[in-house]
């Protein structure tokens, strides 16, 4: 059976609107990206459904609605340098790469990272720098970052990552002790400390150190 991915991308955009995504640039970017290439062949038929899908190593490709909400909350421009903690399949990385100047991304599973980098090459993306390692330490050599995206749930605001934000910078991170008690938190660094805003409830895999 031939799958019409173009029509399904249009359906996805309608679902994103229902999820509360209003940023036209985020919508356009997500519509343009072939989400099917980030999945195993057996799951491709579900590529444009608003659901999370497994990618191996007990990790998931987040549902498009959540990707859109987190990207919108990050409030990026095309001049920004962004750190992503948790490359995963590379889908969120690619979304960010189409909206910012450069993305630095860290993944603790080497096989996932290698597959993601192949996808970046296939899509001819040149503004992503990726590395294998422990994302909980951030990327000291490249700080400060205008924005930080964390794609796994932390028990609290990760202090090392927060310290790598520039003044005025924003971090978007899921916070919660269990998969049933998590919220996306928008953290803004100010001259005096940090301001936080709760965006919505979510369910993410936990943020844990790399096995390196």
Protein backbone atom coordinates (compact mmCIF):
# COMPACT_ATOMS: atom_id res chain seq x y z
CA UNK A 1 0.00 0.00 0.00
CA UNK A 2 1.34 3.43 -0.96
CA UNK A 3 1.08 5.96 1.84
CA UNK A 4 0.30 9.54 0.85
CA UNK A 5 2.58 11.38 3.29
CA UNK A 6 1.79 14.81 1.83
CA UNK A 7 -1.89 14.54 2.75
CA UNK A 8 -0.99 13.17 6.16
CA UNK A 9 1.29 16.15 6.84
CA UNK A 10 -1.67 18.43 6.17
CA UNK A 11 -3.71 16.40 8.68
CA UNK A 12 -0.86 16.77 11.15
CA UNK A 13 -0.93 20.55 10.83
CA UNK A 14 -4.63 20.55 11.65
CA UNK A 15 -3.86 18.44 14.73
CA UNK A 16 -1.13 20.89 15.76
CA UNK A 17 -3.60 23.76 15.59
CA UNK A 18 -5.94 21.84 17.86
CA UNK A 19 -3.02 21.30 20.27
CA UNK A 20 -2.70 25.07 20.65
CA UNK A 21 0.25 25.79 18.39
CA UNK A 22 -0.17 29.25 16.89
CA UNK A 23 3.38 30.12 15.78
CA UNK A 24 3.23 30.10 11.98
CA UNK A 25 6.98 29.44 11.59
CA UNK A 26 6.84 26.40 13.86
CA UNK A 27 3.80 25.13 11.97
CA UNK A 28 5.45 25.60 8.57
CA UNK A 29 8.66 23.87 9.63
CA UNK A 30 6.86 20.87 11.11
CA UNK A 31 4.73 20.55 7.99
CA UNK A 32 7.85 20.52 5.80
CA UNK A 33 9.77 17.81 7.66
CA UNK A 34 9.24 14.16 6.58
CA UNK A 35 8.59 12.66 10.03
CA UNK A 36 8.40 9.16 8.52
CA UNK A 37 12.19 9.00 8.03
CA UNK A 38 12.73 9.14 11.80
CA UNK A 39 10.96 5.83 12.39
CA UNK A 40 11.50 2.13 11.81
CA UNK A 41 9.67 0.86 8.68
CA UNK A 42 7.05 -0.99 10.74
CA UNK A 43 6.00 2.31 12.38
CA UNK A 44 6.05 4.56 9.32
CA UNK A 45 2.28 4.31 8.84
CA UNK A 46 1.88 6.10 12.19
CA UNK A 47 4.36 8.87 11.37
CA UNK A 48 1.82 11.70 11.19
CA UNK A 49 -0.43 10.65 14.04
CA UNK A 50 -0.25 12.82 17.15
CA UNK A 51 1.24 10.05 19.28
CA UNK A 52 4.64 9.20 20.78
CA UNK A 53 6.39 6.28 19.06
CA UNK A 54 9.24 3.99 20.17
CA UNK A 55 12.72 4.43 18.66
CA UNK A 56 14.60 1.84 20.73
CA UNK A 57 16.62 1.93 23.96
CA UNK A 58 13.38 2.68 25.86
CA UNK A 59 13.29 6.08 24.15
CA UNK A 60 10.50 7.64 22.11
CA UNK A 61 9.84 10.05 19.29
CA UNK A 62 7.66 12.62 21.04
CA UNK A 63 4.18 13.25 19.74
CA UNK A 64 4.08 16.15 17.26
CA UNK A 65 1.80 18.20 19.48
CA UNK A 66 4.35 18.13 22.29
CA UNK A 67 7.24 18.90 19.92
CA UNK A 68 5.28 21.87 18.63
CA UNK A 69 4.34 23.16 22.08
CA UNK A 70 7.92 22.89 23.38
CA UNK A 71 9.37 24.53 20.26
CA UNK A 72 6.85 27.33 20.44
CA UNK A 73 7.60 27.86 24.15
CA UNK A 74 11.32 28.11 23.37
CA UNK A 75 10.57 31.32 21.41
CA UNK A 76 13.53 31.12 19.03
CA UNK A 77 14.84 33.34 16.24
CA UNK A 78 17.15 32.56 13.34
CA UNK A 79 20.10 34.25 15.11
CA UNK A 80 20.14 31.98 18.15
CA UNK A 81 22.46 29.24 19.34
CA UNK A 82 20.54 26.37 20.93
CA UNK A 83 21.53 23.38 23.06
CA UNK A 84 19.38 20.25 22.85
CA UNK A 85 19.78 17.59 25.54
CA UNK A 86 18.60 14.26 24.14
CA UNK A 87 18.96 13.94 20.37
CA UNK A 88 16.91 10.74 20.17
CA UNK A 89 15.75 10.17 16.59
CA UNK A 90 16.85 13.68 15.61
CA UNK A 91 13.33 14.90 14.79
CA UNK A 92 13.21 17.70 17.38
CA UNK A 93 16.79 18.59 16.40
CA UNK A 94 15.79 19.07 12.79
CA UNK A 95 12.77 21.17 13.75
CA UNK A 96 15.07 23.46 15.74
CA UNK A 97 17.69 23.57 12.97
CA UNK A 98 15.17 25.08 10.59
CA UNK A 99 14.43 27.91 13.03
CA UNK A 100 17.80 28.88 14.56
CA UNK A 101 21.38 29.67 13.62
CA UNK A 102 22.98 26.55 15.13
CA UNK A 103 21.94 23.56 17.22
CA UNK A 104 24.29 21.70 19.55
CA UNK A 105 22.79 18.35 20.49
CA UNK A 106 23.90 15.61 22.91
CA UNK A 107 22.77 11.97 23.02
CA UNK A 108 23.73 9.26 25.53
CA UNK A 109 22.92 6.31 23.24
CA UNK A 110 25.60 6.02 20.58
CA UNK A 111 23.47 4.02 18.14
CA UNK A 112 20.63 6.53 18.27
CA UNK A 113 23.09 9.36 17.68
CA UNK A 114 24.65 7.64 14.67
CA UNK A 115 21.23 7.08 13.10
CA UNK A 116 20.25 10.69 13.78
CA UNK A 117 23.43 12.01 12.16
CA UNK A 118 22.71 9.95 9.05
CA UNK A 119 19.30 11.58 8.86
CA UNK A 120 20.86 15.03 9.18
CA UNK A 121 23.09 14.23 6.21
CA UNK A 122 20.17 12.84 4.22
CA UNK A 123 18.30 16.10 4.80
CA UNK A 124 21.45 18.10 3.93
CA UNK A 125 21.42 20.00 7.21
CA UNK A 126 24.69 21.78 8.01
CA UNK A 127 23.90 23.76 11.18
CA UNK A 128 23.74 20.85 13.64
CA UNK A 129 26.71 19.83 15.78
CA UNK A 130 26.16 16.56 17.63
CA UNK A 131 28.10 14.56 20.19
CA UNK A 132 27.82 11.42 22.28
CA UNK A 133 27.85 12.02 26.01
CA UNK A 134 26.09 12.96 29.20
CA UNK A 135 23.69 15.77 28.43
CA UNK A 136 23.15 16.54 32.11
CA UNK A 137 26.51 18.34 31.99
CA UNK A 138 25.50 20.45 29.02
CA UNK A 139 28.17 21.66 26.61
CA UNK A 140 30.60 23.80 28.59
CA UNK A 141 32.84 24.66 25.65
CA UNK A 142 29.95 26.27 23.76
CA UNK A 143 28.16 28.18 26.54
CA UNK A 144 26.34 30.46 26.94
CA UNK A 145 23.31 29.33 24.95
CA UNK A 146 20.42 31.54 23.92
CA UNK A 147 18.07 28.61 24.36
CA UNK A 148 18.19 25.09 25.84
CA UNK A 149 15.74 22.30 25.01
CA UNK A 150 15.65 19.24 27.27
CA UNK A 151 13.77 16.27 25.80
CA UNK A 152 13.68 14.08 28.93
CA UNK A 153 12.11 14.64 32.33
CA UNK A 154 14.19 16.01 35.21
CA UNK A 155 13.26 15.91 38.88
CA UNK A 156 13.97 19.64 39.08
CA UNK A 157 15.45 22.42 36.98
CA UNK A 158 18.91 21.07 36.02
CA UNK A 159 21.32 23.56 37.67
CA UNK A 160 24.28 22.91 35.37
CA UNK A 161 22.13 23.48 32.29
CA UNK A 162 20.51 26.57 33.80
CA UNK A 163 23.95 28.04 34.42
CA UNK A 164 24.78 27.64 30.73
CA UNK A 165 21.94 29.95 29.68
CA UNK A 166 22.73 33.49 28.69
CA UNK A 167 21.00 36.31 30.55
CA UNK A 168 17.57 36.53 28.98
CA UNK A 169 17.91 32.97 27.75
CA UNK A 170 15.16 30.37 27.96
CA UNK A 171 15.19 26.67 28.79
CA UNK A 172 12.23 24.38 28.15
CA UNK A 173 12.32 21.21 30.25
CA UNK A 174 9.83 18.57 31.41
CA UNK A 175 9.80 18.43 35.22
CA UNK A 176 8.35 15.64 37.35
CA UNK A 177 9.08 12.60 39.50
CA UNK A 178 6.95 10.09 37.54
CA UNK A 179 5.55 9.81 34.03
CA UNK A 180 2.12 10.66 35.46
CA UNK A 181 3.29 13.83 37.21
CA UNK A 182 5.24 15.89 34.68
CA UNK A 183 4.86 19.39 33.32
CA UNK A 184 6.72 21.31 30.65
CA UNK A 185 8.44 24.21 32.39
CA UNK A 186 9.65 27.37 30.65
CA UNK A 187 12.62 28.76 32.56
CA UNK A 188 13.92 32.25 31.80
CA UNK A 189 17.25 33.47 33.18
CA UNK A 190 17.24 37.05 34.43
CA UNK A 191 19.84 39.31 36.02
CA UNK A 192 18.48 38.30 39.43
CA UNK A 193 17.84 34.58 38.94
CA UNK A 194 15.21 32.55 37.12
CA UNK A 195 11.54 32.99 36.25
CA UNK A 196 9.40 29.94 35.54
CA UNK A 197 6.14 29.28 33.73
CA UNK A 198 4.26 25.97 33.55
CA UNK A 199 3.16 25.18 29.99
CA UNK A 200 1.27 21.86 30.07
CA UNK A 201 1.28 18.32 31.45
CA UNK A 202 3.32 15.71 29.58
CA UNK A 203 4.88 12.26 29.88
CA UNK A 204 8.59 11.89 29.06
CA UNK A 205 11.30 9.32 29.66
CA UNK A 206 13.60 10.32 32.55
CA UNK A 207 16.73 12.42 32.19
CA UNK A 208 19.59 10.19 33.34
CA UNK A 209 23.39 10.27 32.96
CA UNK A 210 25.08 8.63 30.00
CA UNK A 211 26.68 5.22 30.31
CA UNK A 212 30.12 6.41 29.21
